[in-house]
């Protein structure tokens, strides 16, 4: 009996937990498309931030800079950042997408470019 309890305990320790953001299959089911008319920037930001907080990726839009490349968690950070960046790209209209799309962008970069569109007219 003792062996059975020990083996289940040890197997749960070796199973890595899945980051909550991996459970999103379609961000558009959670955050409506920012078009500037039906969905305003302020409404979109509130919805996006709510989901970012709930899926534990708020730091990617909240001003936290990416980890240094020599940090052991750098690869995971960049992977999560790429997915959150895809969330932004997937939830803005084509008109805004072409204005913020950049191949070397981080989530924070795109977030800032989008904010600039609405606050520096």
PDB file of N, CA and C in Angstrom:
ATOM      1  N   UNK A   1       0.816  -1.190   0.000  1.00  0.00           N
ATOM      2  CA  UNK A   1       0.000   0.000   0.000  1.00  0.00           C
ATOM      3  C   UNK A   1       0.858   1.251   0.000  1.00  0.00           C
ATOM      4  N   UNK A   2       1.901   1.246   0.817  1.00  0.00           N
ATOM      5  CA  UNK A   2       2.772   2.407   0.886  1.00  0.00           C
ATOM      6  C   UNK A   2       3.432   2.702  -0.449  1.00  0.00           C
ATOM      7  N   UNK A   3       3.805   1.647  -1.203  1.00  0.00           N
ATOM      8  CA  UNK A   3       4.437   1.832  -2.498  1.00  0.00           C
ATOM      9  C   UNK A   3       3.501   2.524  -3.479  1.00  0.00           C
ATOM     10  N   UNK A   4       2.234   2.153  -3.447  1.00  0.00           N
ATOM     11  CA  UNK A   4       1.267   2.731  -4.371  1.00  0.00           C
ATOM     12  C   UNK A   4       1.123   4.227  -4.139  1.00  0.00           C
ATOM     13  N   UNK A   5       1.034   4.651  -2.905  1.00  0.00           N
ATOM     14  CA  UNK A   5       0.916   6.073  -2.582  1.00  0.00           C
ATOM     15  C   UNK A   5       2.179   6.811  -2.994  1.00  0.00           C
ATOM     16  N   UNK A   6       3.337   6.178  -2.744  1.00  0.00           N
ATOM     17  CA  UNK A   6       4.591   6.814  -3.101  1.00  0.00           C
ATOM     18  C   UNK A   6       4.724   6.997  -4.609  1.00  0.00           C
ATOM     19  N   UNK A   7       4.311   5.991  -5.393  1.00  0.00           N
ATOM     20  CA  UNK A   7       4.454   6.089  -6.842  1.00  0.00           C
ATOM     21  C   UNK A   7       3.526   7.150  -7.417  1.00  0.00           C
ATOM     22  N   UNK A   8       2.315   7.295  -6.872  1.00  0.00           N
ATOM     23  CA  UNK A   8       1.411   8.317  -7.400  1.00  0.00           C
ATOM     24  C   UNK A   8       1.909   9.706  -7.043  1.00  0.00           C
ATOM     25  N   UNK A   9       2.517   9.830  -5.876  1.00  0.00           N
ATOM     26  CA  UNK A   9       3.068  11.118  -5.471  1.00  0.00           C
ATOM     27  C   UNK A   9       4.244  11.493  -6.353  1.00  0.00           C
ATOM     28  N   UNK A  10       5.123  10.540  -6.624  1.00  0.00           N
ATOM     29  CA  UNK A  10       6.295  10.849  -7.431  1.00  0.00           C
ATOM     30  C   UNK A  10       5.915  11.133  -8.877  1.00  0.00           C
ATOM     31  N   UNK A  11       4.883  10.464  -9.408  1.00  0.00           N
ATOM     32  CA  UNK A  11       4.501  10.730 -10.793  1.00  0.00           C
ATOM     33  C   UNK A  11       3.870  12.101 -10.938  1.00  0.00           C
ATOM     34  N   UNK A  12       3.160  12.582  -9.906  1.00  0.00           N
ATOM     35  CA  UNK A  12       2.570  13.912  -9.998  1.00  0.00           C
ATOM     36  C   UNK A  12       3.642  14.988  -9.922  1.00  0.00           C
ATOM     37  N   UNK A  13       4.756  14.692  -9.270  1.00  0.00           N
ATOM     38  CA  UNK A  13       5.850  15.653  -9.181  1.00  0.00           C
ATOM     39  C   UNK A  13       6.582  15.780 -10.516  1.00  0.00           C
ATOM     40  N   UNK A  14       6.615  14.719 -11.304  1.00  0.00           N
ATOM     41  CA  UNK A  14       7.358  14.754 -12.555  1.00  0.00           C
ATOM     42  C   UNK A  14       6.524  15.292 -13.719  1.00  0.00           C
ATOM     43  N   UNK A  15       5.207  15.365 -13.548  1.00  0.00           N
ATOM     44  CA  UNK A  15       4.353  15.875 -14.615  1.00  0.00           C
ATOM     45  C   UNK A  15       4.334  17.396 -14.554  1.00  0.00           C
ATOM     46  N   UNK A  16       4.885  18.058 -15.573  1.00  0.00           N
ATOM     47  CA  UNK A  16       4.886  19.524 -15.551  1.00  0.00           C
ATOM     48  C   UNK A  16       3.458  20.053 -15.743  1.00  0.00           C
ATOM     49  N   UNK A  17       3.172  21.155 -15.062  1.00  0.00           N
ATOM     50  CA  UNK A  17       1.843  21.738 -15.221  1.00  0.00           C
ATOM     51  C   UNK A  17       1.808  22.552 -16.512  1.00  0.00           C
ATOM     52  N   UNK A  18       0.671  22.544 -17.135  1.00  0.00           N
ATOM     53  CA  UNK A  18       0.474  23.259 -18.387  1.00  0.00           C
ATOM     54  C   UNK A  18       0.121  24.699 -18.083  1.00  0.00           C
ATOM     55  N   UNK A  19       0.820  25.641 -18.704  1.00  0.00           N
ATOM     56  CA  UNK A  19       0.527  27.062 -18.503  1.00  0.00           C
ATOM     57  C   UNK A  19      -0.898  27.324 -18.981  1.00  0.00           C
ATOM     58  N   UNK A  20      -1.679  28.107 -18.236  1.00  0.00           N
ATOM     59  CA  UNK A  20      -3.085  28.336 -18.600  1.00  0.00           C
ATOM     60  C   UNK A  20      -3.298  28.895 -20.008  1.00  0.00           C
ATOM     61  N   UNK A  21      -2.360  29.666 -20.542  1.00  0.00           N
ATOM     62  CA  UNK A  21      -2.574  30.259 -21.852  1.00  0.00           C
ATOM     63  C   UNK A  21      -2.666  29.204 -22.958  1.00  0.00           C
ATOM     64  N   UNK A  22      -2.119  28.020 -22.720  1.00  0.00           N
ATOM     65  CA  UNK A  22      -2.194  26.944 -23.713  1.00  0.00           C
ATOM     66  C   UNK A  22      -3.621  26.420 -23.906  1.00  0.00           C
ATOM     67  N   UNK A  23      -4.518  26.747 -23.004  1.00  0.00           N
ATOM     68  CA  UNK A  23      -5.892  26.248 -23.114  1.00  0.00           C
ATOM     69  C   UNK A  23      -6.762  27.067 -24.061  1.00  0.00           C
ATOM     70  N   UNK A  24      -6.274  28.194 -24.520  1.00  0.00           N
ATOM     71  CA  UNK A  24      -7.035  29.029 -25.456  1.00  0.00           C
ATOM     72  C   UNK A  24      -6.929  28.422 -26.852  1.00  0.00           C
ATOM     73  N   UNK A  25      -8.064  28.106 -27.443  1.00  0.00           N
ATOM     74  CA  UNK A  25      -8.048  27.590 -28.808  1.00  0.00           C
ATOM     75  C   UNK A  25      -8.462  28.650 -29.819  1.00  0.00           C
ATOM     76  N   UNK A  26      -9.258  29.617 -29.390  1.00  0.00           N
ATOM     77  CA  UNK A  26      -9.669  30.692 -30.280  1.00  0.00           C
ATOM     78  C   UNK A  26      -9.931  31.943 -29.454  1.00  0.00           C
ATOM     79  N   UNK A  27      -8.968  32.845 -29.441  1.00  0.00           N
ATOM     80  CA  UNK A  27      -9.080  34.058 -28.634  1.00  0.00           C
ATOM     81  C   UNK A  27     -10.260  34.917 -29.078  1.00  0.00           C
ATOM     82  N   UNK A  28     -10.674  34.783 -30.330  1.00  0.00           N
ATOM     83  CA  UNK A  28     -11.801  35.575 -30.823  1.00  0.00           C
ATOM     84  C   UNK A  28     -13.115  35.185 -30.143  1.00  0.00           C
ATOM     85  N   UNK A  29     -13.158  34.023 -29.498  1.00  0.00           N
ATOM     86  CA  UNK A  29     -14.331  33.658 -28.710  1.00  0.00           C
ATOM     87  C   UNK A  29     -14.370  34.413 -27.384  1.00  0.00           C
ATOM     88  N   UNK A  30     -13.258  35.014 -27.013  1.00  0.00           N
ATOM     89  CA  UNK A  30     -13.144  35.711 -25.732  1.00  0.00           C
ATOM     90  C   UNK A  30     -13.018  37.224 -25.894  1.00  0.00           C
ATOM     91  N   UNK A  31     -12.325  37.666 -26.930  1.00  0.00           N
ATOM     92  CA  UNK A  31     -12.082  39.091 -27.163  1.00  0.00           C
ATOM     93  C   UNK A  31     -12.604  39.434 -28.548  1.00  0.00           C
ATOM     94  N   UNK A  32     -13.513  40.381 -28.598  1.00  0.00           N
ATOM     95  CA  UNK A  32     -14.091  40.770 -29.885  1.00  0.00           C
ATOM     96  C   UNK A  32     -13.082  41.547 -30.722  1.00  0.00           C
ATOM     97  N   UNK A  33     -13.334  41.633 -32.016  1.00  0.00           N
ATOM     98  CA  UNK A  33     -12.435  42.303 -32.957  1.00  0.00           C
ATOM     99  C   UNK A  33     -12.495  43.815 -32.762  1.00  0.00           C
ATOM    100  N   UNK A  34     -11.331  44.409 -32.521  1.00  0.00           N
ATOM    101  CA  UNK A  34     -11.230  45.862 -32.409  1.00  0.00           C
ATOM    102  C   UNK A  34     -11.367  46.463 -33.797  1.00  0.00           C
ATOM    103  N   UNK A  35     -12.471  47.190 -34.007  1.00  0.00           N
ATOM    104  CA  UNK A  35     -12.672  47.855 -35.294  1.00  0.00           C
ATOM    105  C   UNK A  35     -12.761  49.366 -35.141  1.00  0.00           C
ATOM    106  N   UNK A  36     -12.794  49.853 -33.917  1.00  0.00           N
ATOM    107  CA  UNK A  36     -12.851  51.283 -33.669  1.00  0.00           C
ATOM    108  C   UNK A  36     -14.252  51.863 -33.740  1.00  0.00           C
ATOM    109  N   UNK A  37     -15.236  51.045 -34.113  1.00  0.00           N
ATOM    110  CA  UNK A  37     -16.622  51.515 -34.217  1.00  0.00           C
ATOM    111  C   UNK A  37     -17.518  50.704 -33.283  1.00  0.00           C
ATOM    112  N   UNK A  38     -17.787  49.454 -33.673  1.00  0.00           N
ATOM    113  CA  UNK A  38     -18.611  48.592 -32.819  1.00  0.00           C
ATOM    114  C   UNK A  38     -17.876  48.232 -31.541  1.00  0.00           C
ATOM    115  N   UNK A  39     -16.609  47.937 -31.660  1.00  0.00           N
ATOM    116  CA  UNK A  39     -15.763  47.645 -30.505  1.00  0.00           C
ATOM    117  C   UNK A  39     -14.700  48.733 -30.435  1.00  0.00           C
ATOM    118  N   UNK A  40     -14.790  49.548 -29.393  1.00  0.00           N
ATOM    119  CA  UNK A  40     -13.847  50.650 -29.223  1.00  0.00           C
ATOM    120  C   UNK A  40     -12.539  50.153 -28.619  1.00  0.00           C
ATOM    121  N   UNK A  41     -11.532  50.988 -28.727  1.00  0.00           N
ATOM    122  CA  UNK A  41     -10.234  50.642 -28.160  1.00  0.00           C
ATOM    123  C   UNK A  41     -10.347  50.379 -26.662  1.00  0.00           C
ATOM    124  N   UNK A  42     -11.048  51.239 -25.935  1.00  0.00           N
ATOM    125  CA  UNK A  42     -11.141  51.062 -24.481  1.00  0.00           C
ATOM    126  C   UNK A  42     -11.860  49.764 -24.115  1.00  0.00           C
ATOM    127  N   UNK A  43     -12.904  49.400 -24.849  1.00  0.00           N
ATOM    128  CA  UNK A  43     -13.596  48.130 -24.589  1.00  0.00           C
ATOM    129  C   UNK A  43     -12.687  46.946 -24.901  1.00  0.00           C
ATOM    130  N   UNK A  44     -11.990  47.027 -26.018  1.00  0.00           N
ATOM    131  CA  UNK A  44     -11.087  45.951 -26.418  1.00  0.00           C
ATOM    132  C   UNK A  44      -9.987  45.756 -25.375  1.00  0.00           C
ATOM    133  N   UNK A  45      -9.400  46.855 -24.907  1.00  0.00           N
ATOM    134  CA  UNK A  45      -8.338  46.771 -23.906  1.00  0.00           C
ATOM    135  C   UNK A  45      -8.854  46.096 -22.637  1.00  0.00           C
ATOM    136  N   UNK A  46     -10.045  46.474 -22.197  1.00  0.00           N
ATOM    137  CA  UNK A  46     -10.612  45.867 -20.992  1.00  0.00           C
ATOM    138  C   UNK A  46     -10.787  44.364 -21.166  1.00  0.00           C
ATOM    139  N   UNK A  47     -11.322  43.938 -22.312  1.00  0.00           N
ATOM    140  CA  UNK A  47     -11.511  42.508 -22.572  1.00  0.00           C
ATOM    141  C   UNK A  47     -10.168  41.784 -22.682  1.00  0.00           C
ATOM    142  N   UNK A  48      -9.234  42.390 -23.394  1.00  0.00           N
ATOM    143  CA  UNK A  48      -7.938  41.752 -23.587  1.00  0.00           C
ATOM    144  C   UNK A  48      -7.204  41.616 -22.263  1.00  0.00           C
ATOM    145  N   UNK A  49      -7.187  42.682 -21.467  1.00  0.00           N
ATOM    146  CA  UNK A  49      -6.501  42.653 -20.173  1.00  0.00           C
ATOM    147  C   UNK A  49      -7.140  41.623 -19.237  1.00  0.00           C
ATOM    148  N   UNK A  50      -8.459  41.535 -19.257  1.00  0.00           N
ATOM    149  CA  UNK A  50      -9.166  40.562 -18.434  1.00  0.00           C
ATOM    150  C   UNK A  50      -8.709  39.147 -18.765  1.00  0.00           C
ATOM    151  N   UNK A  51      -8.621  38.845 -20.058  1.00  0.00           N
ATOM    152  CA  UNK A  51      -8.171  37.517 -20.472  1.00  0.00           C
ATOM    153  C   UNK A  51      -6.688  37.314 -20.198  1.00  0.00           C
ATOM    154  N   UNK A  52      -5.888  38.340 -20.420  1.00  0.00           N
ATOM    155  CA  UNK A  52      -4.463  38.237 -20.142  1.00  0.00           C
ATOM    156  C   UNK A  52      -4.223  37.963 -18.659  1.00  0.00           C
ATOM    157  N   UNK A  53      -4.999  38.592 -17.812  1.00  0.00           N
ATOM    158  CA  UNK A  53      -4.877  38.351 -16.370  1.00  0.00           C
ATOM    159  C   UNK A  53      -5.314  36.922 -16.034  1.00  0.00           C
ATOM    160  N   UNK A  54      -6.457  36.522 -16.553  1.00  0.00           N
ATOM    161  CA  UNK A  54      -6.984  35.191 -16.264  1.00  0.00           C
ATOM    162  C   UNK A  54      -6.100  34.066 -16.762  1.00  0.00           C
ATOM    163  N   UNK A  55      -5.397  34.299 -17.861  1.00  0.00           N
ATOM    164  CA  UNK A  55      -4.529  33.265 -18.428  1.00  0.00           C
ATOM    165  C   UNK A  55      -3.055  33.492 -18.086  1.00  0.00           C
ATOM    166  N   UNK A  56      -2.827  34.355 -17.107  1.00  0.00           N
ATOM    167  CA  UNK A  56      -1.504  34.574 -16.524  1.00  0.00           C
ATOM    168  C   UNK A  56      -0.442  35.035 -17.517  1.00  0.00           C
ATOM    169  N   UNK A  57      -0.834  35.962 -18.416  1.00  0.00           N
ATOM    170  CA  UNK A  57       0.120  36.537 -19.359  1.00  0.00           C
ATOM    171  C   UNK A  57       0.076  38.068 -19.338  1.00  0.00           C
ATOM    172  N   UNK A  58      -0.492  38.624 -18.286  1.00  0.00           N
ATOM    173  CA  UNK A  58      -0.624  40.069 -18.172  1.00  0.00           C
ATOM    174  C   UNK A  58       0.726  40.773 -18.224  1.00  0.00           C
ATOM    175  N   UNK A  59       1.769  40.120 -17.739  1.00  0.00           N
ATOM    176  CA  UNK A  59       3.098  40.728 -17.756  1.00  0.00           C
ATOM    177  C   UNK A  59       3.591  41.001 -19.177  1.00  0.00           C
ATOM    178  N   UNK A  60       3.076  40.319 -20.161  1.00  0.00           N
ATOM    179  CA  UNK A  60       3.512  40.527 -21.547  1.00  0.00           C
ATOM    180  C   UNK A  60       2.967  41.818 -22.144  1.00  0.00           C
ATOM    181  N   UNK A  61       1.883  42.344 -21.571  1.00  0.00           N
ATOM    182  CA  UNK A  61       1.349  43.630 -22.051  1.00  0.00           C
ATOM    183  C   UNK A  61       1.484  44.716 -20.996  1.00  0.00           C
ATOM    184  N   UNK A  62       1.929  44.343 -19.808  1.00  0.00           N
ATOM    185  CA  UNK A  62       1.971  45.275 -18.696  1.00  0.00           C
ATOM    186  C   UNK A  62       3.278  46.019 -18.512  1.00  0.00           C
ATOM    187  N   UNK A  63       4.181  45.910 -19.448  1.00  0.00           N
ATOM    188  CA  UNK A  63       5.416  46.661 -19.362  1.00  0.00           C
ATOM    189  C   UNK A  63       6.639  45.871 -18.964  1.00  0.00           C
ATOM    190  N   UNK A  64       6.477  44.587 -18.660  1.00  0.00           N
ATOM    191  CA  UNK A  64       7.622  43.759 -18.312  1.00  0.00           C
ATOM    192  C   UNK A  64       8.427  43.455 -19.572  1.00  0.00           C
ATOM    193  N   UNK A  65       9.706  43.736 -19.524  1.00  0.00           N
ATOM    194  CA  UNK A  65      10.558  43.469 -20.681  1.00  0.00           C
ATOM    195  C   UNK A  65      10.853  41.977 -20.774  1.00  0.00           C
ATOM    196  N   UNK A  66      11.123  41.485 -21.990  1.00  0.00           N
ATOM    197  CA  UNK A  66      11.475  40.066 -22.137  1.00  0.00           C
ATOM    198  C   UNK A  66      12.685  39.706 -21.284  1.00  0.00           C
ATOM    199  N   UNK A  67      12.767  38.443 -20.930  1.00  0.00           N
ATOM    200  CA  UNK A  67      13.909  37.959 -20.156  1.00  0.00           C
ATOM    201  C   UNK A  67      15.175  38.040 -20.999  1.00  0.00           C
ATOM    202  N   UNK A  68      16.333  38.182 -20.355  1.00  0.00           N
ATOM    203  CA  UNK A  68      17.589  38.143 -21.115  1.00  0.00           C
ATOM    204  C   UNK A  68      17.777  36.776 -21.759  1.00  0.00           C
ATOM    205  N   UNK A  69      18.463  36.746 -22.879  1.00  0.00           N
ATOM    206  CA  UNK A  69      18.637  35.505 -23.634  1.00  0.00           C
ATOM    207  C   UNK A  69      19.361  34.421 -22.845  1.00  0.00           C
ATOM    208  N   UNK A  70      20.169  34.802 -21.878  1.00  0.00           N
ATOM    209  CA  UNK A  70      20.889  33.792 -21.103  1.00  0.00           C
ATOM    210  C   UNK A  70      20.074  33.264 -19.921  1.00  0.00           C
ATOM    211  N   UNK A  71      18.875  33.765 -19.718  1.00  0.00           N
ATOM    212  CA  UNK A  71      17.994  33.269 -18.657  1.00  0.00           C
ATOM    213  C   UNK A  71      17.454  31.900 -19.061  1.00  0.00           C
ATOM    214  N   UNK A  72      17.422  30.931 -18.160  1.00  0.00           N
ATOM    215  CA  UNK A  72      16.927  29.595 -18.507  1.00  0.00           C
ATOM    216  C   UNK A  72      15.461  29.571 -18.940  1.00  0.00           C
ATOM    217  N   UNK A  73      14.691  30.577 -18.563  1.00  0.00           N
ATOM    218  CA  UNK A  73      13.274  30.643 -18.935  1.00  0.00           C
ATOM    219  C   UNK A  73      13.016  31.481 -20.180  1.00  0.00           C
ATOM    220  N   UNK A  74      14.089  31.935 -20.834  1.00  0.00           N
ATOM    221  CA  UNK A  74      13.953  32.796 -22.007  1.00  0.00           C
ATOM    222  C   UNK A  74      13.104  32.145 -23.106  1.00  0.00           C
ATOM    223  N   UNK A  75      13.356  30.903 -23.420  1.00  0.00           N
ATOM    224  CA  UNK A  75      12.627  30.217 -24.487  1.00  0.00           C
ATOM    225  C   UNK A  75      11.133  30.145 -24.210  1.00  0.00           C
ATOM    226  N   UNK A  76      10.783  29.817 -22.985  1.00  0.00           N
ATOM    227  CA  UNK A  76       9.366  29.754 -22.614  1.00  0.00           C
ATOM    228  C   UNK A  76       8.731  31.132 -22.672  1.00  0.00           C
ATOM    229  N   UNK A  77       9.444  32.136 -22.163  1.00  0.00           N
ATOM    230  CA  UNK A  77       8.937  33.515 -22.200  1.00  0.00           C
ATOM    231  C   UNK A  77       8.637  33.936 -23.643  1.00  0.00           C
ATOM    232  N   UNK A  78       9.570  33.687 -24.536  1.00  0.00           N
ATOM    233  CA  UNK A  78       9.405  34.100 -25.929  1.00  0.00           C
ATOM    234  C   UNK A  78       8.285  33.310 -26.621  1.00  0.00           C
ATOM    235  N   UNK A  79       8.129  32.047 -26.272  1.00  0.00           N
ATOM    236  CA  UNK A  79       7.045  31.242 -26.831  1.00  0.00           C
ATOM    237  C   UNK A  79       5.684  31.810 -26.404  1.00  0.00           C
ATOM    238  N   UNK A  80       5.558  32.096 -25.123  1.00  0.00           N
ATOM    239  CA  UNK A  80       4.309  32.677 -24.631  1.00  0.00           C
ATOM    240  C   UNK A  80       4.082  34.042 -25.273  1.00  0.00           C
ATOM    241  N   UNK A  81       5.136  34.836 -25.383  1.00  0.00           N
ATOM    242  CA  UNK A  81       5.014  36.160 -25.979  1.00  0.00           C
ATOM    243  C   UNK A  81       4.528  36.073 -27.427  1.00  0.00           C
ATOM    244  N   UNK A  82       5.025  35.112 -28.167  1.00  0.00           N
ATOM    245  CA  UNK A  82       4.615  34.940 -29.560  1.00  0.00           C
ATOM    246  C   UNK A  82       3.124  34.604 -29.664  1.00  0.00           C
ATOM    247  N   UNK A  83       2.642  33.783 -28.750  1.00  0.00           N
ATOM    248  CA  UNK A  83       1.216  33.421 -28.769  1.00  0.00           C
ATOM    249  C   UNK A  83       0.352  34.610 -28.382  1.00  0.00           C
ATOM    250  N   UNK A  84       0.742  35.361 -27.360  1.00  0.00           N
ATOM    251  CA  UNK A  84      -0.038  36.529 -26.950  1.00  0.00           C
ATOM    252  C   UNK A  84      -0.014  37.580 -28.061  1.00  0.00           C
ATOM    253  N   UNK A  85       1.096  37.713 -28.746  1.00  0.00           N
ATOM    254  CA  UNK A  85       1.170  38.607 -29.899  1.00  0.00           C
ATOM    255  C   UNK A  85       0.188  38.156 -30.981  1.00  0.00           C
ATOM    256  N   UNK A  86       0.087  36.858 -31.201  1.00  0.00           N
ATOM    257  CA  UNK A  86      -0.899  36.341 -32.152  1.00  0.00           C
ATOM    258  C   UNK A  86      -2.319  36.672 -31.703  1.00  0.00           C
ATOM    259  N   UNK A  87      -2.567  36.667 -30.391  1.00  0.00           N
ATOM    260  CA  UNK A  87      -3.886  37.046 -29.881  1.00  0.00           C
ATOM    261  C   UNK A  87      -4.211  38.481 -30.280  1.00  0.00           C
ATOM    262  N   UNK A  88      -3.226  39.366 -30.133  1.00  0.00           N
ATOM    263  CA  UNK A  88      -3.451  40.767 -30.520  1.00  0.00           C
ATOM    264  C   UNK A  88      -3.758  40.834 -32.006  1.00  0.00           C
ATOM    265  N   UNK A  89      -2.908  40.226 -32.816  1.00  0.00           N
ATOM    266  CA  UNK A  89      -3.103  40.266 -34.265  1.00  0.00           C
ATOM    267  C   UNK A  89      -4.447  39.670 -34.683  1.00  0.00           C
ATOM    268  N   UNK A  90      -4.917  38.667 -33.954  1.00  0.00           N
ATOM    269  CA  UNK A  90      -6.174  37.998 -34.298  1.00  0.00           C
ATOM    270  C   UNK A  90      -7.408  38.778 -33.855  1.00  0.00           C
ATOM    271  N   UNK A  91      -7.222  39.765 -32.997  1.00  0.00           N
ATOM    272  CA  UNK A  91      -8.387  40.468 -32.459  1.00  0.00           C
ATOM    273  C   UNK A  91      -8.443  41.943 -32.846  1.00  0.00           C
ATOM    274  N   UNK A  92      -7.701  42.316 -33.869  1.00  0.00           N
ATOM    275  CA  UNK A  92      -7.802  43.670 -34.413  1.00  0.00           C
ATOM    276  C   UNK A  92      -8.230  43.578 -35.874  1.00  0.00           C
ATOM    277  N   UNK A  93      -8.930  44.596 -36.328  1.00  0.00           N
ATOM    278  CA  UNK A  93      -9.390  44.610 -37.724  1.00  0.00           C
ATOM    279  C   UNK A  93      -8.189  44.690 -38.666  1.00  0.00           C
ATOM    280  N   UNK A  94      -8.422  44.372 -39.920  1.00  0.00           N
ATOM    281  CA  UNK A  94      -7.356  44.418 -40.923  1.00  0.00           C
ATOM    282  C   UNK A  94      -6.735  45.807 -41.017  1.00  0.00           C
ATOM    283  N   UNK A  95      -7.550  46.851 -40.846  1.00  0.00           N
ATOM    284  CA  UNK A  95      -7.035  48.223 -40.907  1.00  0.00           C
ATOM    285  C   UNK A  95      -5.978  48.481 -39.834  1.00  0.00           C
ATOM    286  N   UNK A  96      -6.219  47.970 -38.638  1.00  0.00           N
ATOM    287  CA  UNK A  96      -5.246  48.151 -37.551  1.00  0.00           C
ATOM    288  C   UNK A  96      -4.101  47.154 -37.654  1.00  0.00           C
ATOM    289  N   UNK A  97      -4.401  45.972 -38.120  1.00  0.00           N
ATOM    290  CA  UNK A  97      -3.370  44.947 -38.235  1.00  0.00           C
ATOM    291  C   UNK A  97      -2.199  45.419 -39.095  1.00  0.00           C
ATOM    292  N   UNK A  98      -2.479  46.001 -40.242  1.00  0.00           N
ATOM    293  CA  UNK A  98      -1.392  46.434 -41.127  1.00  0.00           C
ATOM    294  C   UNK A  98      -0.565  47.551 -40.499  1.00  0.00           C
ATOM    295  N   UNK A  99      -1.134  48.255 -39.548  1.00  0.00           N
ATOM    296  CA  UNK A  99      -0.421  49.352 -38.894  1.00  0.00           C
ATOM    297  C   UNK A  99       0.446  48.887 -37.723  1.00  0.00           C
ATOM    298  N   UNK A 100       0.167  47.706 -37.181  1.00  0.00           N
ATOM    299  CA  UNK A 100       0.952  47.238 -36.028  1.00  0.00           C
ATOM    300  C   UNK A 100       1.782  45.993 -36.320  1.00  0.00           C
ATOM    301  N   UNK A 101       1.530  45.341 -37.446  1.00  0.00           N
ATOM    302  CA  UNK A 101       2.224  44.101 -37.791  1.00  0.00           C
ATOM    303  C   UNK A 101       3.701  44.367 -38.062  1.00  0.00           C
ATOM    304  N   UNK A 102       4.555  43.593 -37.413  1.00  0.00           N
ATOM    305  CA  UNK A 102       6.002  43.736 -37.563  1.00  0.00           C
ATOM    306  C   UNK A 102       6.635  42.383 -37.281  1.00  0.00           C
ATOM    307  N   UNK A 103       7.521  41.941 -38.141  1.00  0.00           N
ATOM    308  CA  UNK A 103       8.110  40.606 -37.997  1.00  0.00           C
ATOM    309  C   UNK A 103       9.015  40.484 -36.780  1.00  0.00           C
ATOM    310  N   UNK A 104       9.587  41.566 -36.295  1.00  0.00           N
ATOM    311  CA  UNK A 104      10.503  41.506 -35.149  1.00  0.00           C
ATOM    312  C   UNK A 104       9.854  42.036 -33.876  1.00  0.00           C
ATOM    313  N   UNK A 105       8.548  41.981 -33.809  1.00  0.00           N
ATOM    314  CA  UNK A 105       7.810  42.576 -32.704  1.00  0.00           C
ATOM    315  C   UNK A 105       7.687  41.650 -31.508  1.00  0.00           C
ATOM    316  N   UNK A 106       7.610  42.267 -30.342  1.00  0.00           N
ATOM    317  CA  UNK A 106       7.188  41.562 -29.140  1.00  0.00           C
ATOM    318  C   UNK A 106       5.737  41.979 -28.882  1.00  0.00           C
ATOM    319  N   UNK A 107       5.098  41.298 -27.974  1.00  0.00           N
ATOM    320  CA  UNK A 107       3.740  41.660 -27.603  1.00  0.00           C
ATOM    321  C   UNK A 107       3.700  43.090 -27.088  1.00  0.00           C
ATOM    322  N   UNK A 108       4.647  43.453 -26.253  1.00  0.00           N
ATOM    323  CA  UNK A 108       4.688  44.795 -25.687  1.00  0.00           C
ATOM    324  C   UNK A 108       4.853  45.855 -26.773  1.00  0.00           C
ATOM    325  N   UNK A 109       5.663  45.568 -27.801  1.00  0.00           N
ATOM    326  CA  UNK A 109       5.833  46.497 -28.923  1.00  0.00           C
ATOM    327  C   UNK A 109       4.504  46.734 -29.640  1.00  0.00           C
ATOM    328  N   UNK A 110       3.817  45.647 -29.969  1.00  0.00           N
ATOM    329  CA  UNK A 110       2.539  45.758 -30.687  1.00  0.00           C
ATOM    330  C   UNK A 110       1.494  46.470 -29.831  1.00  0.00           C
ATOM    331  N   UNK A 111       1.468  46.156 -28.544  1.00  0.00           N
ATOM    332  CA  UNK A 111       0.541  46.799 -27.609  1.00  0.00           C
ATOM    333  C   UNK A 111       0.758  48.317 -27.622  1.00  0.00           C
ATOM    334  N   UNK A 112       2.014  48.712 -27.584  1.00  0.00           N
ATOM    335  CA  UNK A 112       2.357  50.135 -27.605  1.00  0.00           C
ATOM    336  C   UNK A 112       1.999  50.805 -28.921  1.00  0.00           C
ATOM    337  N   UNK A 113       2.250  50.127 -30.040  1.00  0.00           N
ATOM    338  CA  UNK A 113       1.901  50.704 -31.347  1.00  0.00           C
ATOM    339  C   UNK A 113       0.397  50.898 -31.471  1.00  0.00           C
ATOM    340  N   UNK A 114      -0.362  49.947 -30.979  1.00  0.00           N
ATOM    341  CA  UNK A 114      -1.811  50.045 -31.044  1.00  0.00           C
ATOM    342  C   UNK A 114      -2.318  51.197 -30.166  1.00  0.00           C
ATOM    343  N   UNK A 115      -1.767  51.314 -28.988  1.00  0.00           N
ATOM    344  CA  UNK A 115      -2.148  52.404 -28.097  1.00  0.00           C
ATOM    345  C   UNK A 115      -1.826  53.759 -28.741  1.00  0.00           C
ATOM    346  N   UNK A 116      -0.698  53.829 -29.379  1.00  0.00           N
ATOM    347  CA  UNK A 116      -0.268  55.074 -30.029  1.00  0.00           C
ATOM    348  C   UNK A 116      -1.252  55.501 -31.127  1.00  0.00           C
ATOM    349  N   UNK A 117      -1.812  54.548 -31.834  1.00  0.00           N
ATOM    350  CA  UNK A 117      -2.805  54.852 -32.888  1.00  0.00           C
ATOM    351  C   UNK A 117      -3.967  55.627 -32.290  1.00  0.00           C
ATOM    352  N   UNK A 118      -4.415  55.234 -31.112  1.00  0.00           N
ATOM    353  CA  UNK A 118      -5.601  55.833 -30.518  1.00  0.00           C
ATOM    354  C   UNK A 118      -5.333  57.065 -29.674  1.00  0.00           C
ATOM    355  N   UNK A 119      -4.106  57.235 -29.204  1.00  0.00           N
ATOM    356  CA  UNK A 119      -3.825  58.363 -28.329  1.00  0.00           C
ATOM    357  C   UNK A 119      -2.947  59.437 -28.940  1.00  0.00           C
ATOM    358  N   UNK A 120      -2.407  59.200 -30.109  1.00  0.00           N
ATOM    359  CA  UNK A 120      -1.569  60.208 -30.768  1.00  0.00           C
ATOM    360  C   UNK A 120      -2.101  60.476 -32.162  1.00  0.00           C
ATOM    361  N   UNK A 121      -3.340  60.935 -32.217  1.00  0.00           N
ATOM    362  CA  UNK A 121      -3.942  61.229 -33.521  1.00  0.00           C
ATOM    363  C   UNK A 121      -3.614  62.617 -33.977  1.00  0.00           C
TER     364      UNK A 121
END
